[in-house]
Structure formats: structure tokens, C-alpha cells
Amino acid sequence: MKKLFGRIVNGDMILNRFGTVARGELLELQSTSPNVETYDDEFVIMTDHIHAILWITDVGASHQLARNTTFGLYSNHWGRS
């Protein structure tokens, strides 16, 4: 496993310069993409990958029911009937 974003020291993730850039880009995403929100406690940078929750707030679409193709149900939330 290549350590792209940093290393683990005593159980803590120590970011290298690439990890620091990735963290900064995630936090600044809101300023370049106003319909996306990110929060410091909703992403984690690992040594070789990133887990993040991105909140898409407003895309200008009207509220409509979406067809859930997995179960053939209609829902107004992602996969929830």
C-alpha cells in the first residue's frame, strides 16, 4: 500500500503535503461549488484514499418522486420508500 496522503504514527494520521492539499481542497470545495457543503468532521483522509460526505444542497430542480429501480417503488429520498 502506497502512502499517498501521509502516515500513521501512534494511531494518528499525520498528513504529508498531498494530504494537506487534499484536506484544504475538501474544505474549500464550498467556495468553488456553492451547491456543495463539506464539514471537517464528515471526511477522513487515510494513507491511500479518502472517505467524504458531500452535501449537495440546491441544484435548481423541483421536488419530484424518483423511481427506485431496485425495488420498483417510488420514493422522494435516495432509495427510501
PDB file of N, CA and C in Angstrom:
ATOM      1  N   MET A   1       0.852  -1.178   0.000  1.00  0.00           N
ATOM      2  CA  MET A   1       0.000   0.000   0.000  1.00  0.00           C
ATOM      3  C   MET A   1       0.897   1.240   0.000  1.00  0.00           C
ATOM      4  N   LYS A   2       0.724   2.071  -1.006  1.00  0.00           N
ATOM      5  CA  LYS A   2       1.498   3.307  -1.107  1.00  0.00           C
ATOM      6  C   LYS A   2       0.861   4.381  -0.221  1.00  0.00           C
ATOM      7  N   LYS A   3       1.651   5.075   0.527  1.00  0.00           N
ATOM      8  CA  LYS A   3       1.163   6.121   1.434  1.00  0.00           C
ATOM      9  C   LYS A   3       1.110   7.443   0.690  1.00  0.00           C
ATOM     10  N   LEU A   4      -0.020   7.705   0.039  1.00  0.00           N
ATOM     11  CA  LEU A   4      -0.173   8.896  -0.791  1.00  0.00           C
ATOM     12  C   LEU A   4      -0.365  10.172   0.016  1.00  0.00           C
ATOM     13  N   PHE A   5      -1.140  10.087   1.108  1.00  0.00           N
ATOM     14  CA  PHE A   5      -1.563  11.288   1.828  1.00  0.00           C
ATOM     15  C   PHE A   5      -0.911  11.464   3.195  1.00  0.00           C
ATOM     16  N   GLY A   6      -0.108  10.529   3.626  1.00  0.00           N
ATOM     17  CA  GLY A   6       0.544  10.650   4.923  1.00  0.00           C
ATOM     18  C   GLY A   6       0.827   9.292   5.518  1.00  0.00           C
ATOM     19  N   ARG A   7       1.032   9.272   6.830  1.00  0.00           N
ATOM     20  CA  ARG A   7       1.367   8.020   7.508  1.00  0.00           C
ATOM     21  C   ARG A   7       0.695   7.991   8.874  1.00  0.00           C
ATOM     22  N   ILE A   8       0.623   6.796   9.433  1.00  0.00           N
ATOM     23  CA  ILE A   8       0.048   6.602  10.765  1.00  0.00           C
ATOM     24  C   ILE A   8       1.198   6.559  11.773  1.00  0.00           C
ATOM     25  N   VAL A   9       1.098   7.408  12.811  1.00  0.00           N
ATOM     26  CA  VAL A   9       2.081   7.429  13.889  1.00  0.00           C
ATOM     27  C   VAL A   9       1.323   7.347  15.204  1.00  0.00           C
ATOM     28  N   ASN A  10       1.558   6.285  15.954  1.00  0.00           N
ATOM     29  CA  ASN A  10       0.881   6.065  17.247  1.00  0.00           C
ATOM     30  C   ASN A  10      -0.641   6.182  17.123  1.00  0.00           C
ATOM     31  N   GLY A  11      -1.192   5.663  16.031  1.00  0.00           N
ATOM     32  CA  GLY A  11      -2.643   5.666  15.841  1.00  0.00           C
ATOM     33  C   GLY A  11      -3.209   6.953  15.269  1.00  0.00           C
ATOM     34  N   ASP A  12      -2.376   7.951  15.015  1.00  0.00           N
ATOM     35  CA  ASP A  12      -2.841   9.222  14.454  1.00  0.00           C
ATOM     36  C   ASP A  12      -2.382   9.345  13.008  1.00  0.00           C
ATOM     37  N   MET A  13      -3.236   9.919  12.177  1.00  0.00           N
ATOM     38  CA  MET A  13      -2.890  10.166  10.786  1.00  0.00           C
ATOM     39  C   MET A  13      -2.112  11.469  10.703  1.00  0.00           C
ATOM     40  N   ILE A  14      -0.906  11.396  10.209  1.00  0.00           N
ATOM     41  CA  ILE A  14      -0.069  12.567  10.014  1.00  0.00           C
ATOM     42  C   ILE A  14      -0.051  12.856   8.519  1.00  0.00           C
ATOM     43  N   LEU A  15      -0.654  13.969   8.117  1.00  0.00           N
ATOM     44  CA  LEU A  15      -0.759  14.306   6.703  1.00  0.00           C
ATOM     45  C   LEU A  15       0.579  14.791   6.152  1.00  0.00           C
ATOM     46  N   ASN A  16       0.894  14.342   4.942  1.00  0.00           N
ATOM     47  CA  ASN A  16       2.032  14.911   4.229  1.00  0.00           C
ATOM     48  C   ASN A  16       1.514  16.086   3.399  1.00  0.00           C
ATOM     49  N   ARG A  17       2.328  16.616   2.497  1.00  0.00           N
ATOM     50  CA  ARG A  17       1.872  17.792   1.745  1.00  0.00           C
ATOM     51  C   ARG A  17       0.682  17.466   0.849  1.00  0.00           C
ATOM     52  N   PHE A  18       0.628  16.244   0.294  1.00  0.00           N
ATOM     53  CA  PHE A  18      -0.522  15.873  -0.532  1.00  0.00           C
ATOM     54  C   PHE A  18      -1.788  15.729   0.313  1.00  0.00           C
ATOM     55  N   GLY A  19      -1.655  15.168   1.509  1.00  0.00           N
ATOM     56  CA  GLY A  19      -2.785  15.055   2.423  1.00  0.00           C
ATOM     57  C   GLY A  19      -3.282  16.417   2.873  1.00  0.00           C
ATOM     58  N   THR A  20      -2.356  17.332   3.106  1.00  0.00           N
ATOM     59  CA  THR A  20      -2.721  18.694   3.499  1.00  0.00           C
ATOM     60  C   THR A  20      -3.462  19.403   2.368  1.00  0.00           C
ATOM     61  N   VAL A  21      -2.996  19.214   1.142  1.00  0.00           N
ATOM     62  CA  VAL A  21      -3.680  19.803  -0.013  1.00  0.00           C
ATOM     63  C   VAL A  21      -5.079  19.196  -0.160  1.00  0.00           C
ATOM     64  N   ALA A  22      -5.188  17.877  -0.023  1.00  0.00           N
ATOM     65  CA  ALA A  22      -6.497  17.215  -0.141  1.00  0.00           C
ATOM     66  C   ALA A  22      -7.467  17.743   0.912  1.00  0.00           C
ATOM     67  N   ARG A  23      -7.014  17.894   2.148  1.00  0.00           N
ATOM     68  CA  ARG A  23      -7.866  18.423   3.224  1.00  0.00           C
ATOM     69  C   ARG A  23      -8.318  19.843   2.905  1.00  0.00           C
ATOM     70  N   GLY A  24      -7.382  20.670   2.462  1.00  0.00           N
ATOM     71  CA  GLY A  24      -7.714  22.049   2.110  1.00  0.00           C
ATOM     72  C   GLY A  24      -8.712  22.120   0.967  1.00  0.00           C
ATOM     73  N   GLU A  25      -8.542  21.259  -0.039  1.00  0.00           N
ATOM     74  CA  GLU A  25      -9.466  21.248  -1.175  1.00  0.00           C
ATOM     75  C   GLU A  25     -10.865  20.812  -0.751  1.00  0.00           C
ATOM     76  N   LEU A  26     -10.961  19.839   0.136  1.00  0.00           N
ATOM     77  CA  LEU A  26     -12.273  19.421   0.627  1.00  0.00           C
ATOM     78  C   LEU A  26     -12.960  20.549   1.388  1.00  0.00           C
ATOM     79  N   LEU A  27     -12.212  21.259   2.216  1.00  0.00           N
ATOM     80  CA  LEU A  27     -12.797  22.351   2.991  1.00  0.00           C
ATOM     81  C   LEU A  27     -13.140  23.553   2.118  1.00  0.00           C
ATOM     82  N   GLU A  28     -12.382  23.785   1.065  1.00  0.00           N
ATOM     83  CA  GLU A  28     -12.629  24.924   0.180  1.00  0.00           C
ATOM     84  C   GLU A  28     -13.618  24.616  -0.940  1.00  0.00           C
ATOM     85  N   LEU A  29     -14.060  23.379  -1.031  1.00  0.00           N
ATOM     86  CA  LEU A  29     -14.981  22.982  -2.091  1.00  0.00           C
ATOM     87  C   LEU A  29     -16.233  23.850  -2.107  1.00  0.00           C
ATOM     88  N   GLN A  30     -16.692  24.281  -0.935  1.00  0.00           N
ATOM     89  CA  GLN A  30     -17.886  25.120  -0.841  1.00  0.00           C
ATOM     90  C   GLN A  30     -17.707  26.466  -1.538  1.00  0.00           C
ATOM     91  N   SER A  31     -16.502  26.998  -1.512  1.00  0.00           N
ATOM     92  CA  SER A  31     -16.296  28.311  -2.123  1.00  0.00           C
ATOM     93  C   SER A  31     -16.247  28.228  -3.647  1.00  0.00           C
ATOM     94  N   THR A  32     -15.836  27.091  -4.185  1.00  0.00           N
ATOM     95  CA  THR A  32     -15.795  26.937  -5.638  1.00  0.00           C
ATOM     96  C   THR A  32     -17.057  26.281  -6.188  1.00  0.00           C
ATOM     97  N   SER A  33     -17.768  25.545  -5.347  1.00  0.00           N
ATOM     98  CA  SER A  33     -19.019  24.889  -5.735  1.00  0.00           C
ATOM     99  C   SER A  33     -20.082  25.241  -4.699  1.00  0.00           C
ATOM    100  N   PRO A  34     -20.806  26.342  -4.890  1.00  0.00           N
ATOM    101  CA  PRO A  34     -21.719  26.829  -3.857  1.00  0.00           C
ATOM    102  C   PRO A  34     -22.854  25.866  -3.502  1.00  0.00           C
ATOM    103  N   ASN A  35     -23.139  24.873  -4.343  1.00  0.00           N
ATOM    104  CA  ASN A  35     -24.203  23.912  -4.040  1.00  0.00           C
ATOM    105  C   ASN A  35     -23.691  22.681  -3.302  1.00  0.00           C
ATOM    106  N   VAL A  36     -22.426  22.708  -2.895  1.00  0.00           N
ATOM    107  CA  VAL A  36     -21.834  21.580  -2.182  1.00  0.00           C
ATOM    108  C   VAL A  36     -21.351  22.062  -0.822  1.00  0.00           C
ATOM    109  N   GLU A  37     -21.690  21.308   0.212  1.00  0.00           N
ATOM    110  CA  GLU A  37     -21.211  21.615   1.562  1.00  0.00           C
ATOM    111  C   GLU A  37     -20.356  20.456   2.049  1.00  0.00           C
ATOM    112  N   THR A  38     -19.248  20.783   2.702  1.00  0.00           N
ATOM    113  CA  THR A  38     -18.391  19.793   3.346  1.00  0.00           C
ATOM    114  C   THR A  38     -18.111  20.262   4.766  1.00  0.00           C
ATOM    115  N   TYR A  39     -17.931  19.317   5.657  1.00  0.00           N
ATOM    116  CA  TYR A  39     -17.655  19.641   7.058  1.00  0.00           C
ATOM    117  C   TYR A  39     -16.450  18.833   7.524  1.00  0.00           C
ATOM    118  N   ASP A  40     -15.631  19.442   8.342  1.00  0.00           N
ATOM    119  CA  ASP A  40     -14.387  18.849   8.808  1.00  0.00           C
ATOM    120  C   ASP A  40     -14.597  17.498   9.487  1.00  0.00           C
ATOM    121  N   ASP A  41     -15.736  17.306  10.146  1.00  0.00           N
ATOM    122  CA  ASP A  41     -15.974  16.044  10.847  1.00  0.00           C
ATOM    123  C   ASP A  41     -16.692  15.009   9.975  1.00  0.00           C
ATOM    124  N   GLU A  42     -16.863  15.295   8.676  1.00  0.00           N
ATOM    125  CA  GLU A  42     -17.548  14.359   7.791  1.00  0.00           C
ATOM    126  C   GLU A  42     -16.649  13.869   6.659  1.00  0.00           C
ATOM    127  N   PHE A  43     -15.354  13.936   6.860  1.00  0.00           N
ATOM    128  CA  PHE A  43     -14.428  13.276   5.945  1.00  0.00           C
ATOM    129  C   PHE A  43     -13.218  12.799   6.731  1.00  0.00           C
ATOM    130  N   VAL A  44     -12.582  11.776   6.199  1.00  0.00           N
ATOM    131  CA  VAL A  44     -11.371  11.250   6.815  1.00  0.00           C
ATOM    132  C   VAL A  44     -10.383  10.943   5.695  1.00  0.00           C
ATOM    133  N   ILE A  45      -9.171  11.389   5.899  1.00  0.00           N
ATOM    134  CA  ILE A  45      -8.111  11.143   4.931  1.00  0.00           C
ATOM    135  C   ILE A  45      -7.271   9.990   5.462  1.00  0.00           C
ATOM    136  N   MET A  46      -7.218   8.928   4.683  1.00  0.00           N
ATOM    137  CA  MET A  46      -6.439   7.745   5.030  1.00  0.00           C
ATOM    138  C   MET A  46      -5.090   7.831   4.296  1.00  0.00           C
ATOM    139  N   THR A  47      -4.227   6.876   4.516  1.00  0.00           N
ATOM    140  CA  THR A  47      -2.907   6.924   3.887  1.00  0.00           C
ATOM    141  C   THR A  47      -2.978   6.839   2.368  1.00  0.00           C
ATOM    142  N   ASP A  48      -3.968   6.105   1.837  1.00  0.00           N
ATOM    143  CA  ASP A  48      -4.026   5.902   0.388  1.00  0.00           C
ATOM    144  C   ASP A  48      -5.386   6.185  -0.235  1.00  0.00           C
ATOM    145  N   HIS A  49      -6.326   6.711   0.540  1.00  0.00           N
ATOM    146  CA  HIS A  49      -7.642   7.062  -0.002  1.00  0.00           C
ATOM    147  C   HIS A  49      -8.367   8.005   0.954  1.00  0.00           C
ATOM    148  N   ILE A  50      -9.516   8.509   0.499  1.00  0.00           N
ATOM    149  CA  ILE A  50     -10.300   9.475   1.282  1.00  0.00           C
ATOM    150  C   ILE A  50     -11.745   9.010   1.331  1.00  0.00           C
ATOM    151  N   HIS A  51     -12.369   9.141   2.493  1.00  0.00           N
ATOM    152  CA  HIS A  51     -13.810   8.948   2.651  1.00  0.00           C
ATOM    153  C   HIS A  51     -14.399  10.326   2.942  1.00  0.00           C
ATOM    154  N   ALA A  52     -15.444  10.710   2.212  1.00  0.00           N
ATOM    155  CA  ALA A  52     -16.033  12.029   2.439  1.00  0.00           C
ATOM    156  C   ALA A  52     -17.536  11.993   2.193  1.00  0.00           C
ATOM    157  N   ILE A  53     -18.250  12.791   2.957  1.00  0.00           N
ATOM    158  CA  ILE A  53     -19.666  13.035   2.720  1.00  0.00           C
ATOM    159  C   ILE A  53     -19.773  14.436   2.143  1.00  0.00           C
ATOM    160  N   LEU A  54     -20.350  14.540   0.962  1.00  0.00           N
ATOM    161  CA  LEU A  54     -20.573  15.825   0.316  1.00  0.00           C
ATOM    162  C   LEU A  54     -22.067  16.093   0.319  1.00  0.00           C
ATOM    163  N   TRP A  55     -22.482  17.220   0.840  1.00  0.00           N
ATOM    164  CA  TRP A  55     -23.891  17.600   0.878  1.00  0.00           C
ATOM    165  C   TRP A  55     -24.189  18.474  -0.336  1.00  0.00           C
ATOM    166  N   ILE A  56     -25.028  17.972  -1.235  1.00  0.00           N
ATOM    167  CA  ILE A  56     -25.453  18.742  -2.399  1.00  0.00           C
ATOM    168  C   ILE A  56     -26.755  19.426  -2.012  1.00  0.00           C
ATOM    169  N   THR A  57     -26.713  20.756  -1.916  1.00  0.00           N
ATOM    170  CA  THR A  57     -27.792  21.486  -1.263  1.00  0.00           C
ATOM    171  C   THR A  57     -28.882  21.981  -2.202  1.00  0.00           C
ATOM    172  N   ASP A  58     -28.529  22.470  -3.359  1.00  0.00           N
ATOM    173  CA  ASP A  58     -29.556  23.022  -4.242  1.00  0.00           C
ATOM    174  C   ASP A  58     -29.060  22.921  -5.676  1.00  0.00           C
ATOM    175  N   VAL A  59     -29.791  22.172  -6.475  1.00  0.00           N
ATOM    176  CA  VAL A  59     -29.403  22.029  -7.881  1.00  0.00           C
ATOM    177  C   VAL A  59     -30.419  22.686  -8.807  1.00  0.00           C
ATOM    178  N   GLY A  60     -31.386  23.384  -8.229  1.00  0.00           N
ATOM    179  CA  GLY A  60     -32.364  24.103  -9.022  1.00  0.00           C
ATOM    180  C   GLY A  60     -33.477  23.239  -9.572  1.00  0.00           C
ATOM    181  N   ALA A  61     -33.553  21.997  -9.170  1.00  0.00           N
ATOM    182  CA  ALA A  61     -34.608  21.101  -9.657  1.00  0.00           C
ATOM    183  C   ALA A  61     -35.818  21.170  -8.738  1.00  0.00           C
ATOM    184  N   SER A  62     -36.977  20.891  -9.299  1.00  0.00           N
ATOM    185  CA  SER A  62     -38.181  20.832  -8.472  1.00  0.00           C
ATOM    186  C   SER A  62     -38.217  19.493  -7.748  1.00  0.00           C
ATOM    187  N   HIS A  63     -38.957  19.439  -6.659  1.00  0.00           N
ATOM    188  CA  HIS A  63     -39.076  18.218  -5.868  1.00  0.00           C
ATOM    189  C   HIS A  63     -40.021  17.265  -6.588  1.00  0.00           C
ATOM    190  N   GLN A  64     -39.496  16.161  -7.050  1.00  0.00           N
ATOM    191  CA  GLN A  64     -40.298  15.159  -7.735  1.00  0.00           C
ATOM    192  C   GLN A  64     -39.957  13.789  -7.193  1.00  0.00           C
ATOM    193  N   LEU A  65     -40.857  12.864  -7.406  1.00  0.00           N
ATOM    194  CA  LEU A  65     -40.605  11.495  -6.979  1.00  0.00           C
ATOM    195  C   LEU A  65     -39.643  10.822  -7.950  1.00  0.00           C
ATOM    196  N   ALA A  66     -38.708  10.081  -7.389  1.00  0.00           N
ATOM    197  CA  ALA A  66     -37.755   9.337  -8.214  1.00  0.00           C
ATOM    198  C   ALA A  66     -38.107   7.860  -8.186  1.00  0.00           C
ATOM    199  N   ARG A  67     -37.961   7.189  -9.298  1.00  0.00           N
ATOM    200  CA  ARG A  67     -38.274   5.768  -9.354  1.00  0.00           C
ATOM    201  C   ARG A  67     -37.085   4.974  -8.841  1.00  0.00           C
ATOM    202  N   ASN A  68     -37.337   4.130  -7.859  1.00  0.00           N
ATOM    203  CA  ASN A  68     -36.319   3.252  -7.316  1.00  0.00           C
ATOM    204  C   ASN A  68     -36.338   1.980  -8.164  1.00  0.00           C
ATOM    205  N   THR A  69     -35.363   1.805  -9.016  1.00  0.00           N
ATOM    206  CA  THR A  69     -35.369   0.674  -9.942  1.00  0.00           C
ATOM    207  C   THR A  69     -35.030  -0.643  -9.252  1.00  0.00           C
ATOM    208  N   THR A  70     -34.429  -0.584  -8.073  1.00  0.00           N
ATOM    209  CA  THR A  70     -34.082  -1.814  -7.370  1.00  0.00           C
ATOM    210  C   THR A  70     -35.326  -2.555  -6.895  1.00  0.00           C
ATOM    211  N   PHE A  71     -36.284  -1.825  -6.317  1.00  0.00           N
ATOM    212  CA  PHE A  71     -37.461  -2.451  -5.754  1.00  0.00           C
ATOM    213  C   PHE A  71     -38.746  -2.102  -6.503  1.00  0.00           C
ATOM    214  N   GLY A  72     -38.644  -1.249  -7.519  1.00  0.00           N
ATOM    215  CA  GLY A  72     -39.832  -0.871  -8.268  1.00  0.00           C
ATOM    216  C   GLY A  72     -40.767   0.027  -7.479  1.00  0.00           C
ATOM    217  N   LEU A  73     -40.239   0.725  -6.490  1.00  0.00           N
ATOM    218  CA  LEU A  73     -41.047   1.608  -5.652  1.00  0.00           C
ATOM    219  C   LEU A  73     -40.737   3.053  -6.000  1.00  0.00           C
ATOM    220  N   TYR A  74     -41.628   3.957  -5.610  1.00  0.00           N
ATOM    221  CA  TYR A  74     -41.351   5.367  -5.763  1.00  0.00           C
ATOM    222  C   TYR A  74     -40.934   5.935  -4.417  1.00  0.00           C
ATOM    223  N   SER A  75     -39.989   6.827  -4.468  1.00  0.00           N
ATOM    224  CA  SER A  75     -39.523   7.434  -3.216  1.00  0.00           C
ATOM    225  C   SER A  75     -39.116   8.870  -3.482  1.00  0.00           C
ATOM    226  N   ASN A  76     -39.118   9.670  -2.414  1.00  0.00           N
ATOM    227  CA  ASN A  76     -38.664  11.054  -2.549  1.00  0.00           C
ATOM    228  C   ASN A  76     -37.324  11.247  -1.834  1.00  0.00           C
ATOM    229  N   HIS A  77     -36.754  10.194  -1.353  1.00  0.00           N
ATOM    230  CA  HIS A  77     -35.420  10.212  -0.770  1.00  0.00           C
ATOM    231  C   HIS A  77     -34.627   9.097  -1.426  1.00  0.00           C
ATOM    232  N   TRP A  78     -33.347   9.147  -1.334  1.00  0.00           N
ATOM    233  CA  TRP A  78     -32.464   8.205  -2.030  1.00  0.00           C
ATOM    234  C   TRP A  78     -32.728   6.784  -1.573  1.00  0.00           C
ATOM    235  N   GLY A  79     -33.543   6.061  -2.305  1.00  0.00           N
ATOM    236  CA  GLY A  79     -33.782   4.653  -2.037  1.00  0.00           C
ATOM    237  C   GLY A  79     -34.692   4.371  -0.866  1.00  0.00           C
ATOM    238  N   ARG A  80     -35.260   5.391  -0.277  1.00  0.00           N
ATOM    239  CA  ARG A  80     -36.182   5.171   0.853  1.00  0.00           C
ATOM    240  C   ARG A  80     -37.608   5.332   0.354  1.00  0.00           C
ATOM    241  N   SER A  81     -38.454   4.378   0.676  1.00  0.00           N
ATOM    242  CA  SER A  81     -39.848   4.478   0.222  1.00  0.00           C
ATOM    243  C   SER A  81     -40.712   5.147   1.275  1.00  0.00           C
TER     244      SER A  81
END
